[in-house]
Amino acid sequence: MNRTRIYTSTMAKYSIVVPFHNEEENVTALYARLKQVMEQVGDPFELVLVDDGSNDRTYKLMEEIAAVDSRVLVVKLRRNFGQTSALAAGFDHASGEFILAMDGDLQHDPNDIPSFIEKLEDGYEVVSGWRKERIDNFIMRRVPSRCANWLMARLSGVDIHDFGTTFKAYRREVIQNIPLYGEMHRFIPALASWYGASICEIPIKNLNRERGKSHYGIGRTFRVFFDLLTIRFLLRYMGRPLHFFGGFGFLGMMAGSLISASLLGMKVLNPHMNVMDEHGPVFVIGAVLIVAGIQMLAIGLLGELQVRHFYSSQHPAPYTIDRIVRLESTEEQSMMSDGD
């Protein structure tokens, strides 16, 4: 049985991508607010609502919305893949020239969307939201966030204050060139800067969660710090991993070779000396440095092969889709009737 219904619609200028996970109390309210704001904007738009493996009535409500509004596209994932993968699914199915992303918990105010659109129309390719006046828990959220944002700005060279918020806007051609996996959605500005995208930041409101339970915790903060190391490596060595691993490998081989050459010279000058008895630890260190250096060079070469594969092959999506739902527009229905 085919469980996927796919309908095309008139190309939208703006696509609003919203991932949901167990947000049954917020789906309808957010849809109503987004609809009101985007209708005031006046240009063609679509709402791409992604259900990230919810086990409550979130998907059912999204399906009911899509049944009455052809501007709503619902993407249902087979399980909970995480926010980054849900956003990737939304980006992949968005048709708009400009793509905006936001959370589904009503902590992002749809009334800020015109400010994003204004900056996109000014020519910026990435517009990032800045929760300038945060209302989160000071110890559990604001302090770790400030530390992470400060480090990210220094490591990436992108001078913005808030990498963590999902509320951002992109030109389609930019976001399509950025591979998303893990927790990488928060580092899109840093990755976009690698591609030469123009980036700006605008203040946004940070609202209290009205209903439902937060999915964020201190555990995610620790994962972000590990991702910082990944981003730093990607930004500097994504296209040349041998320069990173090869440098350590060369130093290790040189140090090991110097130690071995010194021990060999001592043995030549003193044939009766037992190298292992008198300099055993130094001998072992030299041998380990040489072997480790060779291994680091091998890792660098393997990394170069992976980079070549990255740029010459298609990559599987970090999600699997259960179904896609969209109502046929009036124009499509009339076209199909004419065809019959």
Protein backbone atom coordinates (compact mmCIF):
# COMPACT_ATOMS: atom_id res chain seq x y z
CA MET A 1 0.00 0.00 0.00
CA ASN A 2 1.36 3.40 -0.99
CA ARG A 3 1.26 5.57 2.14
CA THR A 4 2.73 8.66 0.51
CA ARG A 5 0.62 11.35 -1.11
CA ILE A 6 2.65 13.96 -2.96
CA TYR A 7 1.08 17.00 -4.56
CA THR A 8 2.92 19.84 -6.17
CA SER A 9 1.77 23.41 -5.83
CA THR A 10 2.53 26.85 -7.15
CA MET A 11 6.12 27.80 -6.44
CA ALA A 12 6.32 29.73 -3.17
CA LYS A 13 8.59 32.68 -2.59
CA TYR A 14 8.94 31.93 1.12
CA SER A 15 9.07 28.54 2.83
CA ILE A 16 8.69 28.38 6.62
CA VAL A 17 10.19 25.14 7.95
CA VAL A 18 9.07 24.08 11.44
CA PRO A 19 10.13 20.78 13.07
CA PHE A 20 7.78 19.37 15.74
CA HIS A 21 8.31 16.67 18.34
CA ASN A 22 5.44 16.06 20.75
CA GLU A 23 4.04 19.57 20.41
CA GLU A 24 0.31 18.79 20.13
CA GLU A 25 -0.53 21.77 22.34
CA ASN A 26 1.29 24.23 20.07
CA VAL A 27 0.74 23.05 16.49
CA THR A 28 -2.60 24.73 15.80
CA ALA A 29 -1.72 27.98 17.56
CA LEU A 30 1.59 28.32 15.70
CA TYR A 31 -0.09 27.58 12.36
CA ALA A 32 -2.67 30.32 12.97
CA ARG A 33 0.01 32.87 13.88
CA LEU A 34 2.23 31.97 10.93
CA LYS A 35 -0.70 32.12 8.53
CA GLN A 36 -1.70 35.56 9.77
CA VAL A 37 1.81 37.00 9.50
CA MET A 38 2.60 35.52 6.09
CA GLU A 39 -0.73 36.63 4.60
CA GLN A 40 0.14 40.17 5.70
CA VAL A 41 3.51 39.85 3.94
CA GLY A 42 1.55 39.30 0.75
CA ASP A 43 3.92 37.09 -1.26
CA PRO A 44 3.31 33.39 -2.04
CA PHE A 45 4.40 31.17 0.83
CA GLU A 46 4.27 27.64 2.11
CA LEU A 47 4.51 26.11 5.58
CA VAL A 48 6.63 22.97 5.76
CA LEU A 49 5.71 21.19 8.99
CA VAL A 50 7.95 18.26 9.92
CA ASP A 51 6.84 15.66 12.43
CA ASP A 52 10.02 14.27 14.02
CA GLY A 53 8.64 10.97 15.31
CA SER A 54 6.05 12.38 17.71
CA ASN A 55 4.10 9.87 19.80
CA ASP A 56 1.22 12.20 20.68
CA ARG A 57 -1.40 13.87 18.43
CA THR A 58 1.09 16.23 16.77
CA TYR A 59 1.01 14.53 13.37
CA LYS A 60 -2.76 14.09 13.43
CA LEU A 61 -3.24 17.83 13.95
CA MET A 62 -0.72 18.63 11.23
CA GLU A 63 -2.57 16.33 8.84
CA GLU A 64 -5.87 18.07 9.64
CA ILE A 65 -4.28 21.44 8.88
CA ALA A 66 -2.87 20.20 5.57
CA ALA A 67 -6.33 18.86 4.64
CA VAL A 68 -7.77 22.40 4.54
CA ASP A 69 -4.78 24.50 3.43
CA SER A 70 -2.87 23.72 0.24
CA ARG A 71 -0.04 25.99 1.39
CA VAL A 72 0.85 23.49 4.12
CA LEU A 73 3.20 20.60 3.40
CA VAL A 74 3.50 17.94 6.11
CA VAL A 75 6.57 15.71 6.23
CA LYS A 76 6.33 12.78 8.65
CA LEU A 77 9.57 11.05 9.64
CA ARG A 78 9.53 7.37 10.57
CA ARG A 79 11.09 7.98 13.99
CA ASN A 80 12.68 10.70 16.09
CA PHE A 81 15.86 11.58 14.19
CA GLY A 82 16.60 14.82 16.04
CA GLN A 83 16.18 18.49 15.24
CA THR A 84 18.98 18.73 12.68
CA SER A 85 17.65 15.84 10.60
CA ALA A 86 14.09 17.18 10.85
CA LEU A 87 15.29 20.55 9.56
CA ALA A 88 17.20 18.82 6.76
CA ALA A 89 13.99 17.04 5.73
CA GLY A 90 12.12 20.34 5.72
CA PHE A 91 14.83 22.11 3.70
CA ASP A 92 14.93 19.28 1.16
CA HIS A 93 11.17 19.53 0.56
CA ALA A 94 10.85 23.31 0.66
CA SER A 95 10.27 25.00 -2.69
CA GLY A 96 10.69 28.64 -1.72
CA GLU A 97 13.33 31.04 -2.96
CA PHE A 98 13.85 32.06 0.66
CA ILE A 99 13.67 29.53 3.51
CA LEU A 100 13.02 30.42 7.15
CA ALA A 101 13.36 27.97 10.02
CA MET A 102 11.93 28.21 13.52
CA ASP A 103 11.00 26.03 16.50
CA GLY A 104 7.50 24.69 17.03
CA ASP A 105 7.23 25.46 20.74
CA LEU A 106 5.95 29.06 20.36
CA GLN A 107 9.13 30.51 21.86
CA HIS A 108 9.84 32.13 18.50
CA ASP A 109 7.52 34.98 17.59
CA PRO A 110 6.20 34.81 13.99
CA ASN A 111 5.89 38.61 14.09
CA ASP A 112 9.70 38.74 13.75
CA ILE A 113 9.52 37.13 10.30
CA PRO A 114 9.15 40.44 8.36
CA SER A 115 12.48 41.57 9.85
CA PHE A 116 14.16 38.46 8.45
CA ILE A 117 12.52 39.01 5.07
CA GLU A 118 13.71 42.62 4.98
CA LYS A 119 17.33 41.54 5.44
CA LEU A 120 16.99 38.81 2.79
CA GLU A 121 15.60 41.37 0.37
CA ASP A 122 18.60 43.59 1.17
CA GLY A 123 20.83 40.86 -0.27
CA TYR A 124 22.01 38.91 2.77
CA GLU A 125 22.17 35.15 2.25
CA VAL A 126 21.93 34.07 5.90
CA VAL A 127 20.01 36.03 8.53
CA SER A 128 20.46 34.73 12.08
CA GLY A 129 18.23 35.51 15.03
CA TRP A 130 19.76 36.89 18.23
CA ARG A 131 17.97 36.29 21.51
CA LYS A 132 19.33 39.52 22.92
CA GLU A 133 17.12 39.50 26.02
CA ARG A 134 17.05 35.87 27.11
CA ILE A 135 14.58 34.60 29.69
CA ASP A 136 16.02 31.08 30.13
CA ASN A 137 17.42 29.64 33.33
CA PHE A 138 20.62 31.57 34.08
CA ILE A 139 22.79 28.65 35.25
CA MET A 140 21.45 25.81 33.08
CA ARG A 141 20.95 27.68 29.81
CA ARG A 142 22.30 31.22 29.60
CA VAL A 143 25.81 30.67 31.02
CA PRO A 144 26.60 27.57 28.90
CA SER A 145 25.06 29.29 25.86
CA ARG A 146 27.19 32.40 26.26
CA CYS A 147 30.34 30.29 26.60
CA ALA A 148 29.48 28.19 23.55
CA ASN A 149 28.57 31.24 21.44
CA TRP A 150 31.76 33.06 22.42
CA LEU A 151 33.88 30.04 21.50
CA MET A 152 32.00 29.49 18.26
CA ALA A 153 32.48 33.10 17.19
CA ARG A 154 36.22 32.88 17.89
CA LEU A 155 36.71 29.49 16.23
CA SER A 156 34.61 30.20 13.15
CA GLY A 157 35.43 33.87 12.61
CA VAL A 158 31.69 34.63 12.23
CA ASP A 159 30.88 37.60 14.44
CA ILE A 160 27.37 36.80 15.67
CA HIS A 161 26.08 36.45 19.21
CA ASP A 162 23.66 33.54 19.00
CA PHE A 163 24.51 30.39 17.05
CA GLY A 164 22.10 28.19 19.00
CA THR A 165 18.70 29.51 17.94
CA THR A 166 16.87 27.72 15.14
CA PHE A 167 15.17 30.98 14.08
CA LYS A 168 17.14 31.83 10.93
CA ALA A 169 16.51 32.65 7.29
CA TYR A 170 18.43 31.50 4.23
CA ARG A 171 18.57 31.90 0.51
CA ARG A 172 17.74 28.57 -1.05
CA GLU A 173 21.03 28.13 -2.91
CA VAL A 174 23.03 28.58 0.30
CA ILE A 175 21.20 26.14 2.57
CA GLN A 176 21.14 23.46 -0.15
CA ASN A 177 24.96 23.41 -0.21
CA ILE A 178 25.32 22.72 3.52
CA PRO A 179 25.19 19.07 4.65
CA LEU A 180 23.30 18.70 7.93
CA TYR A 181 23.72 15.87 10.42
CA GLY A 182 24.25 15.38 14.15
CA GLU A 183 23.67 18.74 15.90
CA MET A 184 25.03 20.81 13.03
CA HIS A 185 21.95 22.98 12.52
CA ARG A 186 23.17 25.42 15.17
CA PHE A 187 26.41 25.93 13.24
CA ILE A 188 24.89 26.70 9.84
CA PRO A 189 26.23 30.32 9.85
CA ALA A 190 29.76 29.02 10.43
CA LEU A 191 29.43 26.44 7.67
CA ALA A 192 27.83 29.01 5.36
CA SER A 193 30.77 31.34 5.93
CA TRP A 194 33.05 28.62 4.53
CA TYR A 195 31.06 28.89 1.28
CA GLY A 196 31.41 32.68 1.30
CA ALA A 197 27.82 33.52 2.26
CA SER A 198 26.98 37.02 3.48
CA ILE A 199 25.64 36.83 7.05
CA CYS A 200 23.88 39.27 9.35
CA GLU A 201 22.12 39.09 12.69
CA ILE A 202 18.89 40.64 13.95
CA PRO A 203 17.43 40.76 17.49
CA ILE A 204 14.42 38.50 18.06
CA LYS A 205 12.02 38.06 20.95
CA ASN A 206 12.65 35.20 23.36
CA LEU A 207 9.22 34.14 24.58
CA ASN A 208 8.26 31.88 27.47
CA ARG A 209 6.97 28.45 26.52
CA GLU A 210 3.21 28.71 26.89
CA ARG A 211 2.35 25.01 26.77
CA GLY A 212 4.08 21.66 26.65
CA LYS A 213 7.41 20.45 27.99
CA SER A 214 10.85 21.63 26.92
CA HIS A 215 13.05 19.09 25.12
CA TYR A 216 16.30 20.87 26.00
CA GLY A 217 18.61 19.87 28.82
CA ILE A 218 22.14 20.34 30.11
CA GLY A 219 23.18 17.16 28.27
CA ARG A 220 22.74 18.91 24.93
CA THR A 221 25.12 21.65 26.06
CA PHE A 222 27.92 19.13 26.52
CA ARG A 223 27.31 17.74 23.02
CA VAL A 224 27.57 21.26 21.62
CA PHE A 225 31.08 21.68 23.00
CA PHE A 226 32.18 18.51 21.22
CA ASP A 227 30.57 19.78 18.04
CA LEU A 228 32.65 22.95 18.39
CA LEU A 229 35.79 20.88 17.87
CA THR A 230 34.24 19.25 14.83
CA ILE A 231 33.30 22.60 13.32
CA ARG A 232 36.78 24.01 13.91
CA PHE A 233 38.30 21.04 12.11
CA LEU A 234 35.77 21.23 9.27
CA LEU A 235 36.29 24.95 8.68
CA ARG A 236 40.08 24.64 8.47
CA TYR A 237 40.71 21.17 7.08
CA MET A 238 37.48 19.97 5.40
CA GLY A 239 39.12 20.00 1.98
CA ARG A 240 42.64 19.04 3.07
CA PRO A 241 42.67 16.60 6.03
CA LEU A 242 46.18 15.43 5.14
CA HIS A 243 47.50 18.86 6.13
CA PHE A 244 46.25 18.24 9.69
CA PHE A 245 47.07 14.56 10.22
CA GLY A 246 50.12 14.69 7.98
CA GLY A 247 51.68 17.45 10.08
CA PHE A 248 51.46 15.41 13.27
CA GLY A 249 52.60 12.30 11.41
CA PHE A 250 55.64 14.06 9.96
CA LEU A 251 56.64 15.45 13.36
CA GLY A 252 56.26 12.03 14.96
CA MET A 253 58.34 10.33 12.28
CA MET A 254 61.04 13.00 12.47
CA ALA A 255 61.25 12.83 16.27
CA GLY A 256 61.33 9.04 16.23
CA SER A 257 63.96 9.02 13.48
CA LEU A 258 66.20 11.45 15.40
CA ILE A 259 65.96 9.32 18.54
CA SER A 260 66.72 6.16 16.57
CA ALA A 261 69.64 7.83 14.74
CA SER A 262 71.10 9.00 18.08
CA LEU A 263 70.89 5.51 19.55
CA LEU A 264 72.43 4.05 16.41
CA GLY A 265 75.32 6.52 16.60
CA MET A 266 75.92 5.63 20.25
CA LYS A 267 75.97 1.94 19.34
CA VAL A 268 78.45 2.52 16.51
CA LEU A 269 80.79 4.48 18.77
CA ASN A 270 80.44 1.94 21.58
CA PRO A 271 79.88 -1.52 20.06
CA HIS A 272 79.81 -3.20 23.48
CA MET A 273 76.90 -1.08 24.73
CA ASN A 274 73.56 -2.88 25.18
CA VAL A 275 71.06 -0.31 23.88
CA MET A 276 67.99 -1.96 25.43
CA ASP A 277 69.59 -2.25 28.87
CA GLU A 278 70.90 1.30 29.00
CA HIS A 279 68.37 3.20 26.85
CA GLY A 280 65.40 0.87 26.60
CA PRO A 281 62.64 3.44 27.32
CA VAL A 282 64.12 5.92 24.83
CA PHE A 283 64.36 3.18 22.19
CA VAL A 284 60.67 2.28 22.71
CA ILE A 285 59.61 5.93 22.52
CA GLY A 286 61.45 6.39 19.23
CA ALA A 287 59.87 3.29 17.74
CA VAL A 288 56.40 4.31 18.88
CA LEU A 289 56.83 7.80 17.40
CA ILE A 290 57.80 6.38 14.02
CA VAL A 291 54.88 3.92 13.95
CA ALA A 292 52.43 6.58 15.17
CA GLY A 293 53.70 9.01 12.54
CA ILE A 294 53.12 6.48 9.79
CA GLN A 295 49.61 5.85 11.12
CA MET A 296 48.80 9.56 11.19
CA LEU A 297 49.95 9.90 7.58
CA ALA A 298 47.76 6.93 6.66
CA ILE A 299 44.76 8.54 8.39
CA GLY A 300 45.39 11.75 6.47
CA LEU A 301 45.49 9.88 3.17
CA LEU A 302 42.28 8.06 4.03
CA GLY A 303 40.74 11.45 4.87
CA GLU A 304 41.76 12.73 1.43
CA LEU A 305 40.02 9.73 -0.15
CA GLN A 306 36.89 10.50 1.87
CA VAL A 307 36.95 14.12 0.73
CA ARG A 308 37.24 12.98 -2.88
CA HIS A 309 34.29 10.63 -2.34
CA PHE A 310 32.33 13.47 -0.69
CA TYR A 311 32.65 15.72 -3.71
CA SER A 312 32.03 13.02 -6.31
CA SER A 313 29.05 11.05 -4.98
CA GLN A 314 25.50 11.44 -3.75
CA HIS A 315 24.95 11.30 0.00
CA PRO A 316 22.09 9.57 1.78
CA ALA A 317 19.73 11.82 3.72
CA PRO A 318 20.07 11.69 7.54
CA TYR A 319 16.39 10.74 7.84
CA THR A 320 13.75 8.44 6.36
CA ILE A 321 10.27 9.64 5.46
CA ASP A 322 7.07 7.84 6.35
CA ARG A 323 4.71 10.02 4.30
CA ILE A 324 4.24 13.44 2.75
CA VAL A 325 0.84 15.14 2.79
CA ARG A 326 -0.35 18.18 0.89
CA LEU A 327 -3.78 19.29 -0.30
CA GLU A 328 -4.21 19.97 -4.01
CA SER A 329 -4.64 23.65 -4.77
CA THR A 330 -7.69 24.91 -6.68
CA GLU A 331 -5.57 25.55 -9.77
CA GLU A 332 -4.25 22.00 -9.77
CA GLN A 333 -7.71 20.54 -9.36
CA SER A 334 -8.97 22.53 -12.35
CA MET A 335 -5.97 21.48 -14.45
CA MET A 336 -6.60 17.83 -13.64
CA SER A 337 -10.31 18.27 -14.52
CA ASP A 338 -9.38 19.83 -17.86
CA GLY A 339 -7.03 16.96 -18.53
CA ASP A 340 -9.79 14.45 -17.91
